[in-house]
């Protein structure tokens, strides 16, 4: 198990608060690096995958760009651009609401659902491998502490 100081190649002790923040940031990037190859093999990005999962969670109900943006993991994502790319790939549809012409409704397509069904077991496997070094109790504690950190 490599300590953060070893990864950063420093002999200087890192203050605990800074070490914690750096460790979380480094771990987030490491996790993304573990899942990116899975998604790349399906020709989608982490952010596009996140949009598809959000739309699947709507269970056939429409979403608008703001709904999607509010639920995104990466709030800095350009949601319009992500949806446009998913439309080009046939995974998402965008329709004008018949009752309110100013409202745009976004739906996942059957192709989008089919893609997620193909990706899910691969992501499940990657997530299991990522968390394999932690027990169930450790995972619960980590989740509790990360939630507490953000509160």
N, C-alpha and C. Protein backbone atom coordinates (compact mmCIF):
# COMPACT_ATOMS: atom_id res chain seq x y z
N UNK A 1 0.85 -1.18 0.00
CA UNK A 1 0.00 0.00 0.00
C UNK A 1 0.90 1.24 0.00
N UNK A 2 0.73 2.07 -1.04
CA UNK A 2 1.55 3.26 -1.18
C UNK A 2 0.92 4.44 -0.45
N UNK A 3 1.70 5.09 0.37
CA UNK A 3 1.23 6.30 1.05
C UNK A 3 1.22 7.46 0.06
N UNK A 4 0.42 8.47 0.34
CA UNK A 4 0.30 9.63 -0.54
C UNK A 4 1.65 10.32 -0.74
N UNK A 5 2.44 10.40 0.32
CA UNK A 5 3.76 11.03 0.21
C UNK A 5 4.64 10.30 -0.81
N UNK A 6 4.51 8.97 -0.85
CA UNK A 6 5.28 8.17 -1.82
C UNK A 6 4.79 8.45 -3.24
N UNK A 7 3.49 8.54 -3.41
CA UNK A 7 2.91 8.81 -4.72
C UNK A 7 3.35 10.19 -5.21
N UNK A 8 3.32 11.16 -4.30
CA UNK A 8 3.70 12.53 -4.64
C UNK A 8 5.21 12.75 -4.60
N UNK A 9 5.93 11.71 -4.18
CA UNK A 9 7.39 11.73 -4.11
C UNK A 9 7.92 12.92 -3.30
N UNK A 10 7.39 13.02 -2.08
CA UNK A 10 7.84 14.08 -1.19
C UNK A 10 8.33 13.49 0.13
N UNK A 11 9.37 14.07 0.68
CA UNK A 11 9.87 13.66 1.99
C UNK A 11 9.34 14.58 3.08
N UNK A 12 8.70 15.65 2.66
CA UNK A 12 8.16 16.63 3.59
C UNK A 12 6.80 16.15 4.08
N UNK A 13 6.61 16.14 5.40
CA UNK A 13 5.29 15.74 5.91
C UNK A 13 4.20 16.70 5.39
N UNK A 14 3.07 16.13 5.01
CA UNK A 14 1.94 16.93 4.51
C UNK A 14 0.98 17.13 5.68
N UNK A 15 0.58 18.38 5.95
CA UNK A 15 -0.40 18.60 7.03
C UNK A 15 -1.64 17.74 6.80
N UNK A 16 -2.21 17.22 7.88
CA UNK A 16 -3.30 16.25 7.80
C UNK A 16 -4.49 16.75 6.97
N UNK A 17 -4.91 18.00 7.15
CA UNK A 17 -6.04 18.52 6.37
C UNK A 17 -5.72 18.49 4.88
N UNK A 18 -4.53 18.97 4.51
CA UNK A 18 -4.12 18.98 3.10
C UNK A 18 -4.00 17.56 2.58
N UNK A 19 -3.41 16.68 3.40
CA UNK A 19 -3.24 15.28 2.97
C UNK A 19 -4.60 14.64 2.69
N UNK A 20 -5.58 14.94 3.52
CA UNK A 20 -6.93 14.39 3.33
C UNK A 20 -7.52 14.87 2.02
N UNK A 21 -7.46 16.17 1.77
CA UNK A 21 -8.01 16.74 0.55
C UNK A 21 -7.29 16.18 -0.68
N UNK A 22 -5.96 16.12 -0.63
CA UNK A 22 -5.19 15.58 -1.75
C UNK A 22 -5.49 14.10 -1.97
N UNK A 23 -5.64 13.35 -0.88
CA UNK A 23 -5.93 11.93 -0.97
C UNK A 23 -7.29 11.68 -1.63
N UNK A 24 -8.29 12.49 -1.27
CA UNK A 24 -9.61 12.35 -1.88
C UNK A 24 -9.54 12.71 -3.36
N UNK A 25 -8.87 13.81 -3.69
CA UNK A 25 -8.75 14.24 -5.09
C UNK A 25 -8.01 13.19 -5.92
N UNK A 26 -6.92 12.69 -5.38
CA UNK A 26 -6.13 11.66 -6.08
C UNK A 26 -6.96 10.40 -6.27
N UNK A 27 -7.70 10.01 -5.24
CA UNK A 27 -8.53 8.79 -5.32
C UNK A 27 -9.65 8.95 -6.34
N UNK A 28 -10.25 10.13 -6.42
CA UNK A 28 -11.32 10.37 -7.40
C UNK A 28 -10.78 10.20 -8.82
N UNK A 29 -9.60 10.73 -9.06
CA UNK A 29 -8.99 10.59 -10.39
C UNK A 29 -8.63 9.14 -10.65
N UNK A 30 -8.10 8.45 -9.65
CA UNK A 30 -7.74 7.04 -9.78
C UNK A 30 -8.98 6.21 -10.12
N UNK A 31 -10.10 6.47 -9.46
CA UNK A 31 -11.34 5.74 -9.73
C UNK A 31 -11.80 5.99 -11.16
N UNK A 32 -11.75 7.25 -11.59
CA UNK A 32 -12.14 7.59 -12.96
C UNK A 32 -11.24 6.86 -13.96
N UNK A 33 -9.95 6.77 -13.64
CA UNK A 33 -9.01 6.06 -14.52
C UNK A 33 -9.33 4.56 -14.61
N UNK A 34 -9.94 4.01 -13.55
CA UNK A 34 -10.31 2.59 -13.56
C UNK A 34 -11.57 2.33 -14.39
N UNK A 35 -12.49 3.31 -14.40
CA UNK A 35 -13.76 3.11 -15.11
C UNK A 35 -13.72 3.62 -16.55
N UNK A 36 -12.83 4.56 -16.85
CA UNK A 36 -12.75 5.11 -18.21
C UNK A 36 -12.56 4.04 -19.30
N UNK A 37 -11.66 3.08 -19.11
CA UNK A 37 -11.48 2.07 -20.17
C UNK A 37 -12.76 1.27 -20.45
N UNK A 38 -13.54 1.00 -19.41
CA UNK A 38 -14.80 0.28 -19.60
C UNK A 38 -15.73 1.09 -20.49
N UNK A 39 -15.88 2.37 -20.17
CA UNK A 39 -16.79 3.23 -20.93
C UNK A 39 -16.24 3.53 -22.32
N UNK A 40 -14.93 3.68 -22.42
CA UNK A 40 -14.31 3.96 -23.72
C UNK A 40 -14.59 2.82 -24.70
N UNK A 41 -14.63 1.60 -24.21
CA UNK A 41 -14.90 0.47 -25.09
C UNK A 41 -16.32 0.52 -25.66
N UNK A 42 -17.20 1.32 -25.03
CA UNK A 42 -18.56 1.53 -25.52
C UNK A 42 -18.70 2.90 -26.19
N UNK A 43 -17.59 3.60 -26.34
CA UNK A 43 -17.53 4.90 -27.01
C UNK A 43 -18.38 5.97 -26.31
N UNK A 44 -18.36 5.97 -24.96
CA UNK A 44 -18.99 7.06 -24.23
C UNK A 44 -18.08 7.49 -23.08
N UNK A 45 -18.28 8.72 -22.63
CA UNK A 45 -17.50 9.26 -21.52
C UNK A 45 -18.22 9.02 -20.20
N UNK A 46 -17.50 9.23 -19.10
CA UNK A 46 -18.10 9.14 -17.77
C UNK A 46 -19.32 10.05 -17.66
N UNK A 47 -19.18 11.27 -18.18
CA UNK A 47 -20.25 12.25 -18.09
C UNK A 47 -21.47 11.83 -18.92
N UNK A 48 -21.23 11.28 -20.11
CA UNK A 48 -22.34 10.79 -20.94
C UNK A 48 -23.03 9.62 -20.25
N UNK A 49 -22.24 8.75 -19.64
CA UNK A 49 -22.78 7.61 -18.89
C UNK A 49 -23.66 8.11 -17.75
N UNK A 50 -23.20 9.16 -17.06
CA UNK A 50 -23.96 9.75 -15.96
C UNK A 50 -25.32 10.26 -16.47
N UNK A 51 -25.33 10.95 -17.61
CA UNK A 51 -26.58 11.46 -18.20
C UNK A 51 -27.52 10.29 -18.52
N UNK A 52 -27.00 9.25 -19.13
CA UNK A 52 -27.84 8.10 -19.48
C UNK A 52 -28.44 7.45 -18.23
N UNK A 53 -27.65 7.33 -17.18
CA UNK A 53 -28.18 6.74 -15.94
C UNK A 53 -29.25 7.63 -15.31
N UNK A 54 -29.05 8.94 -15.38
CA UNK A 54 -30.06 9.87 -14.86
C UNK A 54 -31.37 9.68 -15.63
N UNK A 55 -31.27 9.62 -16.95
CA UNK A 55 -32.48 9.47 -17.78
C UNK A 55 -33.14 8.11 -17.56
N UNK A 56 -32.34 7.08 -17.39
CA UNK A 56 -32.93 5.75 -17.11
C UNK A 56 -33.69 5.80 -15.78
N UNK A 57 -33.15 6.52 -14.82
CA UNK A 57 -33.79 6.65 -13.52
C UNK A 57 -35.13 7.37 -13.56
N UNK A 58 -35.40 8.09 -14.64
CA UNK A 58 -36.68 8.78 -14.80
C UNK A 58 -37.79 7.81 -15.20
N UNK A 59 -37.43 6.58 -15.54
CA UNK A 59 -38.37 5.50 -15.86
C UNK A 59 -39.42 5.92 -16.90
N UNK A 60 -38.93 6.52 -17.99
CA UNK A 60 -39.83 6.89 -19.08
C UNK A 60 -40.37 8.31 -18.99
N UNK A 61 -40.25 8.94 -17.83
CA UNK A 61 -40.68 10.33 -17.70
C UNK A 61 -39.61 11.23 -18.31
N UNK A 62 -40.03 12.38 -18.84
CA UNK A 62 -39.04 13.27 -19.45
C UNK A 62 -38.22 14.01 -18.41
N UNK A 63 -37.06 14.46 -18.83
CA UNK A 63 -36.21 15.33 -18.01
C UNK A 63 -35.93 16.57 -18.84
N UNK A 64 -35.60 17.65 -18.18
CA UNK A 64 -35.13 18.81 -18.93
C UNK A 64 -33.66 19.01 -18.58
N UNK A 65 -33.02 19.93 -19.27
CA UNK A 65 -31.57 20.13 -19.07
C UNK A 65 -31.25 20.47 -17.61
N UNK A 66 -32.11 21.27 -16.98
CA UNK A 66 -31.85 21.65 -15.59
C UNK A 66 -31.95 20.45 -14.65
N UNK A 67 -32.94 19.57 -14.88
CA UNK A 67 -33.07 18.34 -14.08
C UNK A 67 -31.78 17.53 -14.16
N UNK A 68 -31.31 17.37 -15.39
CA UNK A 68 -30.09 16.58 -15.61
C UNK A 68 -28.90 17.24 -14.93
N UNK A 69 -28.75 18.55 -15.14
CA UNK A 69 -27.63 19.30 -14.55
C UNK A 69 -27.63 19.17 -13.03
N UNK A 70 -28.81 19.28 -12.42
CA UNK A 70 -28.92 19.20 -10.96
C UNK A 70 -28.49 17.85 -10.42
N UNK A 71 -28.64 16.79 -11.21
CA UNK A 71 -28.32 15.44 -10.74
C UNK A 71 -26.94 14.96 -11.18
N UNK A 72 -26.25 15.76 -12.00
CA UNK A 72 -24.92 15.36 -12.49
C UNK A 72 -23.93 15.25 -11.33
N UNK A 73 -23.04 14.29 -11.41
CA UNK A 73 -21.97 14.16 -10.43
C UNK A 73 -20.98 15.30 -10.63
N UNK A 74 -20.62 15.56 -11.90
CA UNK A 74 -19.71 16.66 -12.23
C UNK A 74 -20.57 17.85 -12.66
N UNK A 75 -20.77 18.78 -11.74
CA UNK A 75 -21.64 19.93 -12.00
C UNK A 75 -21.07 20.87 -13.07
N UNK A 76 -19.80 20.73 -13.40
CA UNK A 76 -19.16 21.59 -14.38
C UNK A 76 -19.38 21.09 -15.81
N UNK A 77 -20.03 19.96 -15.96
CA UNK A 77 -20.26 19.39 -17.28
C UNK A 77 -21.17 20.30 -18.10
N UNK A 78 -20.91 20.38 -19.41
CA UNK A 78 -21.76 21.11 -20.32
C UNK A 78 -22.89 20.17 -20.73
N UNK A 79 -23.99 20.26 -20.02
CA UNK A 79 -25.09 19.31 -20.20
C UNK A 79 -25.66 19.35 -21.61
N UNK A 80 -25.79 20.54 -22.17
CA UNK A 80 -26.32 20.67 -23.53
C UNK A 80 -25.45 19.90 -24.52
N UNK A 81 -24.14 20.08 -24.41
CA UNK A 81 -23.21 19.40 -25.31
C UNK A 81 -23.28 17.88 -25.11
N UNK A 82 -23.37 17.43 -23.86
CA UNK A 82 -23.45 16.00 -23.58
C UNK A 82 -24.72 15.40 -24.20
N UNK A 83 -25.84 16.08 -24.02
CA UNK A 83 -27.11 15.60 -24.58
C UNK A 83 -27.03 15.58 -26.10
N UNK A 84 -26.47 16.64 -26.70
CA UNK A 84 -26.32 16.69 -28.16
C UNK A 84 -25.51 15.51 -28.68
N UNK A 85 -24.42 15.17 -28.01
CA UNK A 85 -23.60 14.03 -28.43
C UNK A 85 -24.38 12.72 -28.30
N UNK A 86 -25.15 12.58 -27.23
CA UNK A 86 -25.94 11.37 -27.04
C UNK A 86 -27.07 11.27 -28.07
N UNK A 87 -27.62 12.41 -28.49
CA UNK A 87 -28.64 12.42 -29.56
C UNK A 87 -28.01 11.92 -30.86
N UNK A 88 -26.82 12.42 -31.17
CA UNK A 88 -26.14 12.00 -32.40
C UNK A 88 -25.86 10.49 -32.40
N UNK A 89 -25.63 9.93 -31.23
CA UNK A 89 -25.36 8.50 -31.12
C UNK A 89 -26.64 7.67 -31.07
N UNK A 90 -27.79 8.35 -30.98
CA UNK A 90 -29.07 7.64 -30.95
C UNK A 90 -29.49 7.14 -29.58
N UNK A 91 -28.84 7.59 -28.52
CA UNK A 91 -29.14 7.11 -27.17
C UNK A 91 -30.16 7.97 -26.44
N UNK A 92 -30.41 9.18 -26.96
CA UNK A 92 -31.28 10.15 -26.31
C UNK A 92 -32.10 10.87 -27.38
N UNK A 93 -33.32 11.25 -27.01
CA UNK A 93 -34.17 12.07 -27.89
C UNK A 93 -34.52 13.36 -27.16
N UNK A 94 -34.64 14.42 -27.94
CA UNK A 94 -35.06 15.70 -27.38
C UNK A 94 -36.33 16.11 -28.13
N UNK A 95 -37.39 16.39 -27.38
CA UNK A 95 -38.67 16.79 -27.97
C UNK A 95 -39.16 18.10 -27.36
N UNK A 96 -39.94 18.84 -28.13
CA UNK A 96 -40.59 20.04 -27.62
C UNK A 96 -41.91 19.59 -26.99
N UNK A 97 -42.15 20.04 -25.76
CA UNK A 97 -43.38 19.69 -25.05
C UNK A 97 -44.58 20.28 -25.80
N UNK A 98 -45.59 19.45 -26.06
CA UNK A 98 -46.76 19.91 -26.79
C UNK A 98 -47.59 20.89 -25.97
N UNK A 99 -47.61 20.73 -24.65
CA UNK A 99 -48.41 21.61 -23.78
C UNK A 99 -47.73 22.95 -23.53
N UNK A 100 -46.40 22.94 -23.54
CA UNK A 100 -45.64 24.17 -23.30
C UNK A 100 -44.49 24.21 -24.29
N UNK A 101 -44.64 24.93 -25.37
CA UNK A 101 -43.67 24.93 -26.48
C UNK A 101 -42.28 25.41 -26.06
N UNK A 102 -42.17 26.10 -24.92
CA UNK A 102 -40.86 26.57 -24.46
C UNK A 102 -40.10 25.48 -23.70
N UNK A 103 -40.80 24.42 -23.36
CA UNK A 103 -40.20 23.34 -22.57
C UNK A 103 -39.63 22.25 -23.47
N UNK A 104 -38.39 21.89 -23.23
CA UNK A 104 -37.73 20.82 -23.98
C UNK A 104 -37.68 19.58 -23.09
N UNK A 105 -38.13 18.46 -23.63
CA UNK A 105 -38.15 17.20 -22.89
C UNK A 105 -37.10 16.26 -23.46
N UNK A 106 -36.37 15.63 -22.57
CA UNK A 106 -35.29 14.73 -22.97
C UNK A 106 -35.61 13.33 -22.44
N UNK A 107 -35.52 12.36 -23.34
CA UNK A 107 -35.82 10.96 -23.01
C UNK A 107 -34.64 10.08 -23.42
N UNK A 108 -34.47 8.97 -22.71
CA UNK A 108 -33.51 7.95 -23.14
C UNK A 108 -34.24 7.07 -24.17
N UNK A 109 -33.52 6.66 -25.21
CA UNK A 109 -34.12 5.81 -26.25
C UNK A 109 -33.94 4.33 -25.88
N UNK A 110 -34.58 3.46 -26.66
CA UNK A 110 -34.39 2.02 -26.47
C UNK A 110 -32.92 1.65 -26.67
N UNK A 111 -32.27 2.32 -27.64
CA UNK A 111 -30.84 2.07 -27.87
C UNK A 111 -30.01 2.49 -26.65
N UNK A 112 -30.39 3.60 -26.02
CA UNK A 112 -29.70 4.04 -24.81
C UNK A 112 -29.86 3.05 -23.67
N UNK A 113 -31.06 2.53 -23.51
CA UNK A 113 -31.32 1.52 -22.47
C UNK A 113 -30.55 0.24 -22.76
N UNK A 114 -30.50 -0.13 -24.04
CA UNK A 114 -29.75 -1.33 -24.45
C UNK A 114 -28.26 -1.16 -24.16
N UNK A 115 -27.74 0.03 -24.44
CA UNK A 115 -26.33 0.32 -24.15
C UNK A 115 -26.05 0.18 -22.66
N UNK A 116 -26.90 0.79 -21.82
CA UNK A 116 -26.69 0.70 -20.38
C UNK A 116 -26.74 -0.75 -19.89
N UNK A 117 -27.65 -1.52 -20.47
CA UNK A 117 -27.75 -2.94 -20.09
C UNK A 117 -26.44 -3.68 -20.40
N UNK A 118 -25.79 -3.28 -21.49
CA UNK A 118 -24.51 -3.90 -21.86
C UNK A 118 -23.36 -3.40 -20.97
N UNK A 119 -23.42 -2.14 -20.60
CA UNK A 119 -22.34 -1.54 -19.78
C UNK A 119 -22.42 -1.97 -18.32
N UNK A 120 -23.63 -2.08 -17.79
CA UNK A 120 -23.82 -2.30 -16.35
C UNK A 120 -22.97 -3.41 -15.75
N UNK A 121 -22.93 -4.62 -16.33
CA UNK A 121 -22.11 -5.66 -15.69
C UNK A 121 -20.62 -5.32 -15.68
N UNK A 122 -20.16 -4.60 -16.70
CA UNK A 122 -18.76 -4.20 -16.77
C UNK A 122 -18.42 -3.15 -15.72
N UNK A 123 -19.33 -2.21 -15.51
CA UNK A 123 -19.13 -1.19 -14.48
C UNK A 123 -19.23 -1.82 -13.10
N UNK A 124 -20.19 -2.73 -12.92
CA UNK A 124 -20.31 -3.44 -11.64
C UNK A 124 -19.01 -4.15 -11.30
N UNK A 125 -18.43 -4.81 -12.29
CA UNK A 125 -17.16 -5.53 -12.08
C UNK A 125 -16.05 -4.55 -11.70
N UNK A 126 -15.96 -3.43 -12.42
CA UNK A 126 -14.92 -2.44 -12.12
C UNK A 126 -15.11 -1.86 -10.72
N UNK A 127 -16.35 -1.55 -10.35
CA UNK A 127 -16.61 -1.00 -9.02
C UNK A 127 -16.29 -2.02 -7.92
N UNK A 128 -16.58 -3.29 -8.18
CA UNK A 128 -16.23 -4.34 -7.21
C UNK A 128 -14.72 -4.45 -7.05
N UNK A 129 -13.99 -4.35 -8.16
CA UNK A 129 -12.53 -4.41 -8.10
C UNK A 129 -11.96 -3.18 -7.38
N UNK A 130 -12.52 -2.01 -7.64
CA UNK A 130 -12.06 -0.78 -7.00
C UNK A 130 -12.23 -0.87 -5.49
N UNK A 131 -13.34 -1.42 -5.04
CA UNK A 131 -13.63 -1.45 -3.61
C UNK A 131 -13.24 -2.76 -2.93
N UNK A 132 -12.56 -3.64 -3.64
CA UNK A 132 -12.25 -4.98 -3.12
C UNK A 132 -11.39 -4.97 -1.87
N UNK A 133 -10.56 -3.96 -1.68
CA UNK A 133 -9.67 -3.93 -0.52
C UNK A 133 -10.37 -3.47 0.76
N UNK A 134 -11.63 -3.12 0.66
CA UNK A 134 -12.37 -2.63 1.83
C UNK A 134 -13.48 -3.61 2.20
N UNK A 135 -13.67 -3.79 3.50
CA UNK A 135 -14.76 -4.65 3.98
C UNK A 135 -16.08 -3.86 3.87
N UNK A 136 -17.19 -4.56 4.08
CA UNK A 136 -18.49 -3.90 4.04
C UNK A 136 -18.55 -2.79 5.09
N UNK A 137 -18.06 -3.08 6.30
CA UNK A 137 -18.05 -2.07 7.36
C UNK A 137 -17.18 -0.87 6.98
N UNK A 138 -16.04 -1.12 6.37
CA UNK A 138 -15.16 -0.03 5.94
C UNK A 138 -15.82 0.81 4.85
N UNK A 139 -16.51 0.14 3.92
CA UNK A 139 -17.22 0.88 2.86
C UNK A 139 -18.32 1.76 3.46
N UNK A 140 -19.06 1.21 4.43
CA UNK A 140 -20.11 2.00 5.08
C UNK A 140 -19.52 3.18 5.84
N UNK A 141 -18.41 2.96 6.53
CA UNK A 141 -17.74 4.04 7.26
C UNK A 141 -17.21 5.10 6.30
N UNK A 142 -16.60 4.66 5.20
CA UNK A 142 -16.08 5.60 4.22
C UNK A 142 -17.21 6.46 3.64
N UNK A 143 -18.32 5.82 3.30
CA UNK A 143 -19.47 6.57 2.77
C UNK A 143 -20.00 7.56 3.80
N UNK A 144 -20.09 7.14 5.05
CA UNK A 144 -20.54 8.02 6.12
C UNK A 144 -19.61 9.21 6.25
N UNK A 145 -18.31 8.96 6.26
CA UNK A 145 -17.33 10.04 6.43
C UNK A 145 -17.30 11.00 5.25
N UNK A 146 -17.43 10.48 4.04
CA UNK A 146 -17.45 11.35 2.86
C UNK A 146 -18.71 12.22 2.85
N UNK A 147 -19.85 11.64 3.26
CA UNK A 147 -21.08 12.42 3.37
C UNK A 147 -20.92 13.50 4.44
N UNK A 148 -20.34 13.12 5.56
CA UNK A 148 -20.11 14.07 6.66
C UNK A 148 -19.16 15.20 6.21
N UNK A 149 -18.14 14.85 5.45
CA UNK A 149 -17.18 15.83 4.94
C UNK A 149 -17.89 16.91 4.11
N UNK A 150 -18.86 16.49 3.29
CA UNK A 150 -19.57 17.42 2.41
C UNK A 150 -20.67 18.20 3.10
N UNK A 151 -21.01 17.82 4.35
CA UNK A 151 -22.15 18.49 5.01
C UNK A 151 -21.74 19.81 5.65
